[in-house]
Structures are given as structure tokens and as C-alpha cells.
Amino acid sequence: MLVYIVDDDELFAECLERYLSDCEVRRFTNVIDTINEMNDEVPDMIFLDVLLDGPDGFTLLNEMASYSDTGKVPIVIVSSIEISPVGLENYGVVAVINKAELTPESVRKCLDKI
């Protein structure tokens, strides 16, 4: 299973990657690199921070939703700000997790949604 982590916080991304040890993981710090990589291979799931330098995570959600192949990728928003999941399911969002509350169990629950 191929999982993308899109987060500019290197320490958090490293921690999340450890929770995903059974998966093939690719990490990105910005939306542009993520979109460029998806031209070659579409992931099975994305863990996405919305507060990024440059285009934010919501930009990635909009871009992905506009294509049939990427529009079906389940996305987990991981953020330090409070985000309501209402309406985000239209963009493939299957869960919203506060970074402070992320655990190996919460990551496994998200993977079970694939």
C-alpha cells in the first residue's frame, strides 16, 4: 500500500511514517511536489496537513477532486488547528485528526477505511 504524507513538519512526518511501517511511504513538504509525483503514481491514501508553505492543503484537495483517478484517493487531514469534517467528504476526506491526538491506533483505523 502506497501512502503519501504531506506535511512540512519533519518531526511529525517522521513520527507518522513510523506508524505506517507496514506501508510504502513517500513524504512531501509541499503541494506542488505532491501533485507532480501523482502524475507518475497515485497513492492509496494521503495524510495531509492543511497549513503548508505555498499552496495549502485545501488547494491539494481541490486539485485532486477535479480528476477521476485522484478524486477517489482517501485523505486523512492531520492538523494542529480545529477543522470540521462537515462537507470535506466530498473531497475524499475520510477522517480529520488533531496532531496532538494522533496515535498508532488512530492511524490503523484510517488505514482500515481503504
Protein backbone atom coordinates (compact mmCIF):
# COMPACT_ATOMS: atom_id res chain seq x y z
CA MET A 1 0.00 0.00 0.00
CA LEU A 2 1.39 3.39 -1.04
CA VAL A 3 0.76 6.25 1.40
CA TYR A 4 1.74 9.89 0.98
CA ILE A 5 2.46 12.12 3.95
CA VAL A 6 2.16 15.80 3.06
CA ASP A 7 3.45 17.85 5.98
CA ASP A 8 6.17 20.48 6.36
CA ASP A 9 6.81 19.48 9.98
CA GLU A 10 9.65 16.97 9.53
CA LEU A 11 9.46 15.59 13.08
CA PHE A 12 5.73 14.97 12.87
CA ALA A 13 6.05 13.40 9.41
CA GLU A 14 8.80 11.10 10.70
CA CYS A 15 6.62 10.01 13.63
CA LEU A 16 3.65 9.38 11.35
CA GLU A 17 5.87 7.39 8.99
CA ARG A 18 6.81 5.10 11.89
CA TYR A 19 3.11 4.44 12.50
CA LEU A 20 2.85 3.44 8.83
CA SER A 21 5.72 0.95 8.96
CA ASP A 22 3.74 -1.70 7.04
CA CYS A 23 3.21 0.68 4.12
CA GLU A 24 5.35 2.15 1.39
CA VAL A 25 5.55 5.82 2.38
CA ARG A 26 6.53 8.91 0.41
CA ARG A 27 6.88 12.19 2.25
CA PHE A 28 6.34 15.65 0.80
CA THR A 29 6.64 19.09 2.34
CA ASN A 30 4.54 20.95 -0.22
CA VAL A 31 1.57 20.61 -2.55
CA ILE A 32 3.47 21.17 -5.82
CA ASP A 33 5.83 18.21 -5.28
CA THR A 34 2.88 16.05 -4.24
CA ILE A 35 0.91 16.86 -7.41
CA ASN A 36 3.96 16.26 -9.59
CA GLU A 37 4.52 12.83 -8.00
CA MET A 38 0.88 11.88 -8.57
CA ASN A 39 1.46 12.28 -12.30
CA ASP A 40 3.55 9.09 -12.05
CA GLU A 41 1.75 7.10 -9.36
CA VAL A 42 -1.48 7.69 -7.43
CA PRO A 43 -1.29 6.74 -3.73
CA ASP A 44 -3.74 4.53 -1.87
CA MET A 45 -4.14 7.13 0.91
CA ILE A 46 -2.84 10.57 1.85
CA PHE A 47 -2.22 12.01 5.31
CA LEU A 48 -2.43 15.77 4.72
CA ASP A 49 -1.62 18.80 6.82
CA VAL A 50 -3.56 21.81 5.59
CA LEU A 51 -1.18 24.51 6.88
CA LEU A 52 1.69 24.37 4.40
CA ASP A 53 4.04 26.92 2.88
CA GLY A 54 2.92 27.91 -0.60
CA PRO A 55 -0.36 26.38 -1.74
CA ASP A 56 -2.14 24.93 1.28
CA GLY A 57 -3.70 21.52 1.80
CA PHE A 58 -7.12 22.74 0.68
CA THR A 59 -5.57 23.59 -2.68
CA LEU A 60 -4.45 19.97 -2.97
CA LEU A 61 -7.95 18.75 -2.06
CA ASN A 62 -9.49 20.90 -4.81
CA GLU A 63 -6.91 19.82 -7.38
CA MET A 64 -7.34 16.13 -6.60
CA ALA A 65 -11.14 16.33 -6.67
CA SER A 66 -11.04 17.61 -10.24
CA TYR A 67 -9.63 14.34 -11.64
CA SER A 68 -11.27 10.92 -11.69
CA ASP A 69 -8.18 8.96 -10.59
CA THR A 70 -7.03 11.22 -7.75
CA GLY A 71 -10.56 12.17 -6.73
CA LYS A 72 -11.04 8.68 -5.28
CA VAL A 73 -7.97 8.71 -3.00
CA PRO A 74 -8.94 8.61 0.70
CA ILE A 75 -7.46 11.57 2.58
CA VAL A 76 -6.85 11.98 6.29
CA ILE A 77 -6.38 15.57 7.40
CA VAL A 78 -3.91 15.88 10.26
CA SER A 79 -3.70 19.38 11.64
CA SER A 80 -2.92 21.35 14.75
CA ILE A 81 -5.97 23.56 14.15
CA GLU A 82 -9.59 22.58 14.69
CA ILE A 83 -11.18 21.54 11.38
CA SER A 84 -14.74 20.36 10.94
CA PRO A 85 -15.10 17.33 8.68
CA VAL A 86 -18.53 18.56 7.51
CA GLY A 87 -18.51 18.84 3.73
CA LEU A 88 -14.97 17.55 3.37
CA GLU A 89 -16.16 14.04 2.45
CA ASN A 90 -16.91 15.50 -0.99
CA TYR A 91 -13.14 15.89 -1.36
CA GLY A 92 -12.28 12.34 -0.31
CA VAL A 93 -11.61 13.18 3.34
CA VAL A 94 -12.29 10.08 5.44
CA ALA A 95 -11.04 11.45 8.77
CA VAL A 96 -9.78 14.59 10.50
CA ILE A 97 -7.28 14.05 13.30
CA ASN A 98 -5.75 16.66 15.58
CA LYS A 99 -1.97 16.21 15.53
CA ALA A 100 -1.85 16.22 19.33
CA GLU A 101 -4.24 13.26 19.42
CA LEU A 102 -2.61 11.10 16.73
CA THR A 103 -1.84 7.56 17.90
CA PRO A 104 -0.84 4.32 16.16
CA GLU A 105 -4.40 3.11 16.73
CA SER A 106 -5.96 6.17 15.07
CA VAL A 107 -3.67 5.67 12.06
CA ARG A 108 -4.67 1.98 11.82
CA LYS A 109 -8.36 2.95 11.93
CA CYS A 110 -7.76 5.26 8.97
CA LEU A 111 -5.97 2.55 7.01
CA ASP A 112 -8.93 0.25 7.62
CA LYS A 113 -11.07 2.69 5.60
CA ILE A 114 -9.26 1.82 2.39
